[in-house]
N, C-alpha and C. Protein backbone atom coordinates (compact mmCIF):
# COMPACT_ATOMS: atom_id res chain seq x y z
N MET A 1 0.82 -1.20 0.00
CA MET A 1 0.00 0.00 0.00
C MET A 1 0.86 1.26 0.00
N LEU A 2 1.94 1.25 0.79
CA LEU A 2 2.79 2.44 0.89
C LEU A 2 3.38 2.80 -0.48
N ASN A 3 3.91 1.83 -1.19
CA ASN A 3 4.47 2.11 -2.52
C ASN A 3 3.42 2.68 -3.45
N GLN A 4 2.21 2.18 -3.35
CA GLN A 4 1.12 2.68 -4.18
C GLN A 4 0.86 4.15 -3.86
N LEU A 5 0.84 4.51 -2.59
CA LEU A 5 0.63 5.91 -2.20
C LEU A 5 1.76 6.80 -2.68
N LEU A 6 3.00 6.36 -2.48
CA LEU A 6 4.15 7.19 -2.81
C LEU A 6 4.40 7.31 -4.32
N ASN A 7 3.91 6.37 -5.09
CA ASN A 7 4.18 6.38 -6.53
C ASN A 7 3.02 6.91 -7.37
N GLN A 8 2.05 7.55 -6.73
CA GLN A 8 0.93 8.12 -7.47
C GLN A 8 1.42 9.27 -8.34
N LYS A 9 0.94 9.34 -9.54
CA LYS A 9 1.31 10.43 -10.46
C LYS A 9 0.30 11.56 -10.33
N GLY A 10 0.81 12.79 -10.39
CA GLY A 10 -0.05 13.96 -10.41
C GLY A 10 -0.74 14.29 -9.10
N ILE A 11 -0.26 13.75 -8.00
CA ILE A 11 -0.87 14.03 -6.71
C ILE A 11 -0.14 15.21 -6.05
N SER A 12 -0.88 16.08 -5.43
CA SER A 12 -0.27 17.22 -4.76
C SER A 12 0.33 16.79 -3.42
N ALA A 13 1.22 17.61 -2.92
CA ALA A 13 1.84 17.33 -1.62
C ALA A 13 0.78 17.25 -0.53
N LYS A 14 -0.20 18.13 -0.61
CA LYS A 14 -1.28 18.14 0.39
C LYS A 14 -2.09 16.83 0.34
N GLU A 15 -2.41 16.39 -0.85
CA GLU A 15 -3.16 15.14 -1.00
C GLU A 15 -2.36 13.95 -0.49
N LEU A 16 -1.06 13.92 -0.82
CA LEU A 16 -0.20 12.84 -0.36
C LEU A 16 -0.15 12.82 1.17
N THR A 17 0.03 13.99 1.75
CA THR A 17 0.06 14.09 3.21
C THR A 17 -1.22 13.56 3.83
N GLU A 18 -2.36 13.97 3.30
CA GLU A 18 -3.65 13.53 3.83
C GLU A 18 -3.82 12.01 3.71
N GLN A 19 -3.45 11.47 2.57
CA GLN A 19 -3.60 10.03 2.37
C GLN A 19 -2.67 9.23 3.29
N LEU A 20 -1.43 9.69 3.41
CA LEU A 20 -0.48 9.00 4.30
C LEU A 20 -0.92 9.09 5.76
N SER A 21 -1.39 10.26 6.16
CA SER A 21 -1.85 10.45 7.53
C SER A 21 -3.03 9.53 7.85
N LYS A 22 -3.96 9.48 6.94
CA LYS A 22 -5.13 8.60 7.11
C LYS A 22 -4.69 7.14 7.22
N ALA A 23 -3.76 6.73 6.36
CA ALA A 23 -3.27 5.35 6.38
C ALA A 23 -2.53 5.04 7.69
N LEU A 24 -1.80 6.02 8.20
CA LEU A 24 -1.12 5.83 9.49
C LEU A 24 -2.14 5.66 10.62
N LEU A 25 -3.13 6.53 10.64
CA LEU A 25 -4.14 6.49 11.71
C LEU A 25 -5.02 5.25 11.63
N ASN A 26 -5.26 4.75 10.42
CA ASN A 26 -6.08 3.55 10.25
C ASN A 26 -5.28 2.26 10.43
N GLY A 27 -3.98 2.39 10.59
CA GLY A 27 -3.14 1.21 10.76
C GLY A 27 -2.84 0.49 9.46
N GLU A 28 -3.14 1.12 8.34
CA GLU A 28 -2.85 0.50 7.03
C GLU A 28 -1.35 0.49 6.74
N ILE A 29 -0.66 1.50 7.25
CA ILE A 29 0.80 1.53 7.18
C ILE A 29 1.30 1.94 8.57
N GLY A 30 2.52 1.58 8.86
CA GLY A 30 3.11 1.95 10.14
C GLY A 30 4.21 2.98 9.96
N VAL A 31 4.48 3.72 11.01
CA VAL A 31 5.55 4.71 10.97
C VAL A 31 6.87 4.02 10.63
N ASN A 32 7.09 2.82 11.18
CA ASN A 32 8.34 2.10 10.93
C ASN A 32 8.44 1.58 9.50
N GLU A 33 7.34 1.63 8.78
CA GLU A 33 7.33 1.29 7.35
C GLU A 33 7.56 2.57 6.53
N LEU A 34 6.97 3.68 6.98
CA LEU A 34 7.06 4.94 6.25
C LEU A 34 8.45 5.55 6.31
N ILE A 35 9.09 5.49 7.46
CA ILE A 35 10.39 6.16 7.64
C ILE A 35 11.46 5.63 6.69
N PRO A 36 11.67 4.32 6.56
CA PRO A 36 12.71 3.87 5.61
C PRO A 36 12.41 4.30 4.17
N ALA A 37 11.13 4.32 3.82
CA ALA A 37 10.76 4.77 2.48
C ALA A 37 11.05 6.27 2.33
N ALA A 38 10.68 7.05 3.32
CA ALA A 38 10.89 8.50 3.28
C ALA A 38 12.36 8.85 3.20
N ASP A 39 13.18 8.06 3.85
CA ASP A 39 14.62 8.31 3.87
C ASP A 39 15.24 8.27 2.47
N LYS A 40 14.60 7.59 1.55
CA LYS A 40 15.12 7.44 0.19
C LYS A 40 14.55 8.47 -0.79
N LEU A 41 13.64 9.31 -0.31
CA LEU A 41 12.92 10.24 -1.18
C LEU A 41 13.58 11.62 -1.22
N LYS A 42 13.21 12.39 -2.22
CA LYS A 42 13.66 13.78 -2.29
C LYS A 42 13.05 14.55 -1.12
N ASP A 43 13.70 15.64 -0.75
CA ASP A 43 13.28 16.40 0.43
C ASP A 43 11.81 16.82 0.41
N ALA A 44 11.29 17.22 -0.74
CA ALA A 44 9.89 17.66 -0.79
C ALA A 44 8.93 16.54 -0.42
N VAL A 45 9.18 15.35 -0.93
CA VAL A 45 8.30 14.22 -0.63
C VAL A 45 8.57 13.71 0.79
N LYS A 46 9.82 13.72 1.20
CA LYS A 46 10.16 13.35 2.58
C LYS A 46 9.42 14.26 3.56
N ALA A 47 9.40 15.55 3.26
CA ALA A 47 8.69 16.50 4.12
C ALA A 47 7.20 16.18 4.19
N SER A 48 6.61 15.76 3.07
CA SER A 48 5.19 15.37 3.09
C SER A 48 4.98 14.14 3.97
N CYS A 49 5.92 13.21 3.93
CA CYS A 49 5.83 12.02 4.79
C CYS A 49 5.90 12.41 6.26
N ILE A 50 6.82 13.33 6.58
CA ILE A 50 6.96 13.78 7.97
C ILE A 50 5.73 14.58 8.39
N GLU A 51 5.18 15.36 7.48
CA GLU A 51 3.95 16.09 7.79
C GLU A 51 2.81 15.13 8.06
N ALA A 52 2.75 14.03 7.34
CA ALA A 52 1.72 13.01 7.59
C ALA A 52 1.89 12.43 8.99
N ILE A 53 3.12 12.20 9.39
CA ILE A 53 3.39 11.72 10.75
C ILE A 53 2.97 12.79 11.76
N GLU A 54 3.24 14.04 11.43
CA GLU A 54 2.84 15.15 12.32
C GLU A 54 1.33 15.18 12.49
N HIS A 55 0.59 15.04 11.41
CA HIS A 55 -0.88 15.03 11.49
C HIS A 55 -1.35 13.86 12.35
N ALA A 56 -0.75 12.71 12.14
CA ALA A 56 -1.16 11.52 12.90
C ALA A 56 -0.83 11.66 14.38
N THR A 57 0.31 12.27 14.70
CA THR A 57 0.70 12.39 16.11
C THR A 57 -0.10 13.43 16.87
N LYS A 58 -0.86 14.26 16.17
CA LYS A 58 -1.75 15.19 16.87
C LYS A 58 -2.80 14.44 17.67
N THR A 59 -3.24 13.31 17.13
CA THR A 59 -4.28 12.54 17.81
C THR A 59 -3.76 11.25 18.45
N GLN A 60 -2.63 10.76 17.96
CA GLN A 60 -2.03 9.53 18.52
C GLN A 60 -0.55 9.78 18.79
N ASN A 61 -0.27 10.40 19.93
CA ASN A 61 1.12 10.78 20.20
C ASN A 61 2.01 9.59 20.57
N ASP A 62 1.45 8.40 20.58
CA ASP A 62 2.23 7.22 20.94
C ASP A 62 2.58 6.33 19.75
N ILE A 63 2.42 6.83 18.53
CA ILE A 63 2.70 5.98 17.37
C ILE A 63 4.18 5.93 17.00
N LEU A 64 5.00 6.76 17.63
CA LEU A 64 6.44 6.71 17.37
C LEU A 64 7.12 5.87 18.44
N ASP A 65 7.94 4.92 18.02
CA ASP A 65 8.77 4.21 18.98
C ASP A 65 10.09 4.98 19.12
N ALA A 66 11.00 4.49 19.94
CA ALA A 66 12.25 5.20 20.20
C ALA A 66 13.08 5.39 18.94
N THR A 67 13.11 4.39 18.08
CA THR A 67 13.89 4.48 16.84
C THR A 67 13.31 5.54 15.91
N SER A 68 11.99 5.57 15.80
CA SER A 68 11.33 6.57 14.96
C SER A 68 11.55 7.97 15.52
N PHE A 69 11.49 8.09 16.83
CA PHE A 69 11.72 9.38 17.49
C PHE A 69 13.13 9.87 17.16
N ASP A 70 14.12 9.00 17.24
CA ASP A 70 15.50 9.38 16.94
C ASP A 70 15.64 9.82 15.49
N TRP A 71 14.96 9.13 14.58
CA TRP A 71 15.02 9.49 13.16
C TRP A 71 14.44 10.89 12.95
N ILE A 72 13.32 11.16 13.60
CA ILE A 72 12.71 12.49 13.49
C ILE A 72 13.68 13.55 14.01
N CYS A 73 14.34 13.29 15.13
CA CYS A 73 15.32 14.24 15.66
C CYS A 73 16.44 14.50 14.66
N LYS A 74 16.91 13.49 14.01
CA LYS A 74 17.99 13.65 13.03
C LYS A 74 17.56 14.51 11.84
N GLN A 75 16.28 14.53 11.54
CA GLN A 75 15.79 15.34 10.43
C GLN A 75 15.88 16.83 10.72
N LEU A 76 16.05 17.19 11.98
CA LEU A 76 16.20 18.60 12.33
C LEU A 76 17.50 19.18 11.77
N TYR A 77 18.42 18.33 11.37
CA TYR A 77 19.70 18.76 10.80
C TYR A 77 19.67 18.80 9.27
N SER A 78 18.52 18.55 8.68
CA SER A 78 18.36 18.56 7.23
C SER A 78 18.67 19.95 6.68
N LYS A 79 19.00 20.00 5.42
CA LYS A 79 19.20 21.29 4.75
C LYS A 79 17.85 21.88 4.32
N ALA A 80 16.84 21.04 4.23
CA ALA A 80 15.52 21.48 3.75
C ALA A 80 14.69 22.06 4.90
N PRO A 81 14.34 23.33 4.84
CA PRO A 81 13.57 23.95 5.92
C PRO A 81 12.27 23.22 6.24
N ARG A 82 11.55 22.78 5.23
CA ARG A 82 10.26 22.11 5.49
C ARG A 82 10.45 20.80 6.25
N VAL A 83 11.52 20.08 5.96
CA VAL A 83 11.82 18.85 6.70
C VAL A 83 12.07 19.21 8.17
N LYS A 84 12.80 20.31 8.40
CA LYS A 84 13.10 20.74 9.77
C LYS A 84 11.83 21.11 10.52
N TRP A 85 10.99 21.93 9.91
CA TRP A 85 9.83 22.41 10.66
C TRP A 85 8.80 21.32 10.88
N GLU A 86 8.62 20.42 9.94
CA GLU A 86 7.67 19.33 10.15
C GLU A 86 8.19 18.39 11.24
N SER A 87 9.48 18.15 11.26
CA SER A 87 10.08 17.30 12.29
C SER A 87 9.90 17.92 13.67
N ALA A 88 10.12 19.21 13.78
CA ALA A 88 9.94 19.89 15.06
C ALA A 88 8.50 19.76 15.55
N ARG A 89 7.56 19.91 14.65
CA ARG A 89 6.15 19.79 15.05
C ARG A 89 5.82 18.38 15.54
N VAL A 90 6.40 17.37 14.89
CA VAL A 90 6.20 16.00 15.36
C VAL A 90 6.72 15.88 16.79
N LEU A 91 7.92 16.38 17.03
CA LEU A 91 8.52 16.27 18.37
C LEU A 91 7.68 16.98 19.43
N GLY A 92 7.11 18.12 19.07
CA GLY A 92 6.22 18.80 20.01
C GLY A 92 4.99 17.96 20.33
N ASN A 93 4.46 17.29 19.33
CA ASN A 93 3.28 16.46 19.53
C ASN A 93 3.55 15.24 20.41
N VAL A 94 4.76 14.69 20.33
CA VAL A 94 5.04 13.41 21.01
C VAL A 94 5.90 13.56 22.26
N ALA A 95 6.20 14.78 22.66
CA ALA A 95 7.09 14.99 23.81
C ALA A 95 6.63 14.24 25.05
N ALA A 96 5.34 14.26 25.32
CA ALA A 96 4.83 13.60 26.53
C ALA A 96 5.01 12.08 26.48
N ALA A 97 5.04 11.52 25.29
CA ALA A 97 5.15 10.06 25.15
C ALA A 97 6.60 9.56 25.20
N HIS A 98 7.56 10.48 25.19
CA HIS A 98 8.97 10.08 25.16
C HIS A 98 9.81 10.88 26.15
N PRO A 99 9.49 10.84 27.44
CA PRO A 99 10.23 11.65 28.40
C PRO A 99 11.72 11.32 28.46
N GLU A 100 12.07 10.08 28.14
CA GLU A 100 13.48 9.67 28.20
C GLU A 100 14.31 10.23 27.05
N LYS A 101 13.67 10.80 26.05
CA LYS A 101 14.36 11.30 24.85
C LYS A 101 14.36 12.82 24.75
N LEU A 102 13.85 13.51 25.78
CA LEU A 102 13.65 14.95 25.66
C LEU A 102 14.95 15.75 25.60
N VAL A 103 15.99 15.30 26.28
CA VAL A 103 17.26 16.03 26.24
C VAL A 103 17.83 15.96 24.82
N PHE A 104 17.83 14.77 24.23
CA PHE A 104 18.31 14.59 22.86
C PHE A 104 17.53 15.49 21.91
N ALA A 105 16.22 15.49 22.02
CA ALA A 105 15.38 16.31 21.14
C ALA A 105 15.64 17.79 21.37
N SER A 106 15.78 18.20 22.61
CA SER A 106 15.99 19.62 22.93
C SER A 106 17.26 20.15 22.30
N LYS A 107 18.32 19.38 22.40
CA LYS A 107 19.60 19.83 21.85
C LYS A 107 19.51 20.00 20.34
N ALA A 108 18.81 19.11 19.68
CA ALA A 108 18.64 19.23 18.23
C ALA A 108 17.76 20.44 17.89
N LEU A 109 16.70 20.63 18.65
CA LEU A 109 15.79 21.76 18.40
C LEU A 109 16.45 23.11 18.64
N LEU A 110 17.28 23.19 19.65
CA LEU A 110 17.94 24.45 19.97
C LEU A 110 18.79 24.96 18.80
N LYS A 111 19.31 24.07 18.01
CA LYS A 111 20.11 24.47 16.85
C LYS A 111 19.28 25.23 15.82
N ASN A 112 17.98 25.02 15.82
CA ASN A 112 17.12 25.67 14.82
C ASN A 112 16.43 26.93 15.34
N THR A 113 16.71 27.34 16.57
CA THR A 113 16.03 28.52 17.12
C THR A 113 16.57 29.83 16.55
N ASP A 114 17.73 29.78 15.94
CA ASP A 114 18.25 30.98 15.28
C ASP A 114 18.38 30.77 13.78
N SER A 115 17.55 29.90 13.27
CA SER A 115 17.59 29.54 11.85
C SER A 115 17.41 30.77 10.97
N LYS A 116 18.27 30.89 10.01
CA LYS A 116 18.17 31.97 9.03
C LYS A 116 17.28 31.55 7.86
N GLU A 117 16.79 30.33 7.92
CA GLU A 117 16.00 29.78 6.82
C GLU A 117 14.54 30.19 6.87
N GLY A 118 14.15 30.90 7.91
CA GLY A 118 12.79 31.38 7.93
C GLY A 118 12.12 31.26 9.28
N THR A 119 11.06 32.01 9.38
CA THR A 119 10.29 32.09 10.61
C THR A 119 9.65 30.75 10.97
N VAL A 120 9.22 29.99 9.98
CA VAL A 120 8.49 28.75 10.27
C VAL A 120 9.39 27.74 10.98
N VAL A 121 10.65 27.67 10.63
CA VAL A 121 11.58 26.77 11.31
C VAL A 121 11.71 27.19 12.78
N ARG A 122 11.86 28.49 13.01
CA ARG A 122 11.98 28.98 14.40
C ARG A 122 10.67 28.80 15.17
N TRP A 123 9.55 29.06 14.51
CA TRP A 123 8.25 28.90 15.16
C TRP A 123 8.03 27.45 15.56
N SER A 124 8.31 26.52 14.66
CA SER A 124 8.12 25.09 14.95
C SER A 124 9.05 24.62 16.06
N SER A 125 10.27 25.12 16.06
CA SER A 125 11.20 24.78 17.14
C SER A 125 10.70 25.33 18.46
N ALA A 126 10.15 26.54 18.43
CA ALA A 126 9.59 27.13 19.65
C ALA A 126 8.43 26.29 20.18
N PHE A 127 7.57 25.85 19.28
CA PHE A 127 6.45 24.99 19.68
C PHE A 127 6.97 23.73 20.37
N ALA A 128 7.92 23.06 19.73
CA ALA A 128 8.43 21.80 20.29
C ALA A 128 9.16 22.03 21.61
N LEU A 129 10.00 23.04 21.67
CA LEU A 129 10.74 23.31 22.91
C LEU A 129 9.78 23.67 24.04
N SER A 130 8.74 24.41 23.74
CA SER A 130 7.75 24.77 24.76
C SER A 130 7.01 23.53 25.26
N GLU A 131 6.68 22.63 24.36
CA GLU A 131 6.02 21.39 24.76
C GLU A 131 6.94 20.54 25.63
N ILE A 132 8.20 20.52 25.30
CA ILE A 132 9.17 19.77 26.10
C ILE A 132 9.31 20.41 27.48
N LEU A 133 9.41 21.73 27.51
CA LEU A 133 9.53 22.43 28.79
C LEU A 133 8.31 22.16 29.67
N LYS A 134 7.14 22.10 29.09
CA LYS A 134 5.90 21.86 29.84
C LYS A 134 5.87 20.48 30.49
N GLN A 135 6.71 19.58 30.02
CA GLN A 135 6.74 18.23 30.61
C GLN A 135 7.35 18.26 32.01
N GLY A 136 8.08 19.32 32.33
CA GLY A 136 8.60 19.48 33.68
C GLY A 136 9.62 18.43 34.09
N GLN A 137 10.33 17.87 33.14
CA GLN A 137 11.33 16.85 33.46
C GLN A 137 12.58 17.52 34.04
N SER A 138 13.14 16.92 35.06
CA SER A 138 14.33 17.50 35.68
C SER A 138 15.51 17.56 34.71
N GLN A 139 15.60 16.59 33.79
CA GLN A 139 16.71 16.59 32.86
C GLN A 139 16.60 17.68 31.80
N THR A 140 15.43 18.31 31.68
CA THR A 140 15.28 19.40 30.71
C THR A 140 15.22 20.76 31.40
N ALA A 141 15.60 20.82 32.65
CA ALA A 141 15.60 22.08 33.39
C ALA A 141 16.50 23.12 32.73
N PHE A 142 17.55 22.67 32.05
CA PHE A 142 18.45 23.59 31.36
C PHE A 142 17.72 24.42 30.31
N LEU A 143 16.57 23.93 29.83
CA LEU A 143 15.82 24.64 28.80
C LEU A 143 15.32 26.00 29.26
N GLU A 144 14.99 26.09 30.51
CA GLU A 144 14.47 27.36 31.03
C GLU A 144 15.45 28.49 30.74
N ALA A 145 16.71 28.31 31.07
CA ALA A 145 17.73 29.33 30.83
C ALA A 145 17.96 29.55 29.33
N GLU A 146 17.97 28.47 28.57
CA GLU A 146 18.17 28.59 27.12
C GLU A 146 17.03 29.37 26.48
N ILE A 147 15.82 29.10 26.91
CA ILE A 147 14.67 29.78 26.33
C ILE A 147 14.66 31.26 26.72
N ARG A 148 15.11 31.57 27.90
CA ARG A 148 15.22 32.99 28.29
C ARG A 148 16.16 33.73 27.31
N LYS A 149 17.27 33.10 26.97
CA LYS A 149 18.21 33.71 26.01
C LYS A 149 17.55 33.87 24.64
N ILE A 150 16.81 32.86 24.24
CA ILE A 150 16.15 32.92 22.93
C ILE A 150 15.13 34.05 22.90
N ILE A 151 14.36 34.20 23.96
CA ILE A 151 13.35 35.26 24.03
C ILE A 151 14.01 36.63 23.85
N GLN A 152 15.17 36.81 24.44
CA GLN A 152 15.87 38.09 24.34
C GLN A 152 16.36 38.37 22.92
N GLN A 153 16.70 37.31 22.18
CA GLN A 153 17.26 37.47 20.84
C GLN A 153 16.22 37.43 19.73
N GLU A 154 15.09 36.78 19.98
CA GLU A 154 14.08 36.58 18.94
C GLU A 154 13.43 37.90 18.53
N GLU A 155 13.36 38.13 17.22
CA GLU A 155 12.78 39.36 16.68
C GLU A 155 11.26 39.28 16.57
N LYS A 156 10.74 38.12 16.29
CA LYS A 156 9.31 37.96 16.01
C LYS A 156 8.50 37.78 17.29
N GLU A 157 7.54 38.64 17.48
CA GLU A 157 6.67 38.56 18.66
C GLU A 157 5.86 37.26 18.67
N SER A 158 5.47 36.79 17.48
CA SER A 158 4.67 35.56 17.41
C SER A 158 5.44 34.37 17.96
N ILE A 159 6.74 34.36 17.78
CA ILE A 159 7.56 33.27 18.29
C ILE A 159 7.79 33.46 19.79
N LYS A 160 8.05 34.68 20.20
CA LYS A 160 8.22 34.97 21.64
C LYS A 160 6.98 34.53 22.42
N LYS A 161 5.80 34.76 21.85
CA LYS A 161 4.55 34.42 22.53
C LYS A 161 4.45 32.94 22.85
N ILE A 162 4.99 32.11 21.98
CA ILE A 162 4.95 30.66 22.20
C ILE A 162 5.73 30.31 23.46
N TYR A 163 6.92 30.85 23.56
CA TYR A 163 7.75 30.60 24.75
C TYR A 163 7.11 31.21 26.00
N LEU A 164 6.60 32.42 25.87
CA LEU A 164 6.00 33.09 27.03
C LEU A 164 4.77 32.35 27.54
N ALA A 165 4.01 31.76 26.63
CA ALA A 165 2.83 30.98 27.05
C ALA A 165 3.26 29.77 27.88
N ALA A 166 4.35 29.12 27.48
CA ALA A 166 4.86 27.97 28.26
C ALA A 166 5.34 28.43 29.63
N PHE A 167 6.03 29.57 29.68
CA PHE A 167 6.49 30.10 30.96
C PHE A 167 5.30 30.44 31.86
N LYS A 168 4.27 31.03 31.26
CA LYS A 168 3.08 31.37 32.03
C LYS A 168 2.40 30.13 32.58
N LYS A 169 2.27 29.10 31.76
CA LYS A 169 1.63 27.86 32.19
C LYS A 169 2.38 27.23 33.36
N LEU A 170 3.71 27.32 33.30
CA LEU A 170 4.54 26.74 34.34
C LEU A 170 4.79 27.69 35.51
N LYS A 171 4.22 28.91 35.39
CA LYS A 171 4.38 29.94 36.42
C LYS A 171 5.85 30.30 36.64
N LEU A 172 6.56 30.42 35.51
CA LEU A 172 7.96 30.83 35.54
C LEU A 172 8.06 32.30 35.17
N LYS A 173 8.99 32.96 35.77
CA LYS A 173 9.22 34.38 35.44
C LYS A 173 10.22 34.47 34.30
N VAL A 174 9.98 35.46 33.45
CA VAL A 174 10.88 35.65 32.32
C VAL A 174 12.04 36.43 32.75
């Protein structure tokens, strides 16, 4: 089924994402089946695969195992901005399901907080880092100081608001 979805001619990225997401949620394909296939694709199609995972993890944050989580983290180092931002959104969605992996994810996400590739990469990283911070794990306590630095440097108010909302929820002072 996966090959059939990925090899469709004339399908838009949005349609591919929707079909893959539906197949993931219905159990027709698994994340561990999608990831090896996505790894061999061009960045645009890989990003659609990751976006499908992002859509699926909004409602099922437990569909990633540790290996899949690590693969998503590694995508944060991609040269393609869309691959980076979709990966960050996945990590934000699944942070609660992977408390043992939050330090690894945080370090990768922090590299994208000053991304020159665009606001969406920084916004998505802010979303994920805020979700990780909200988990209140002792091993991610270092994030509080890092996020304070980011807030001081960030130009976009929309991105600052994401971090400030997490601080407010946790009753932390900026």
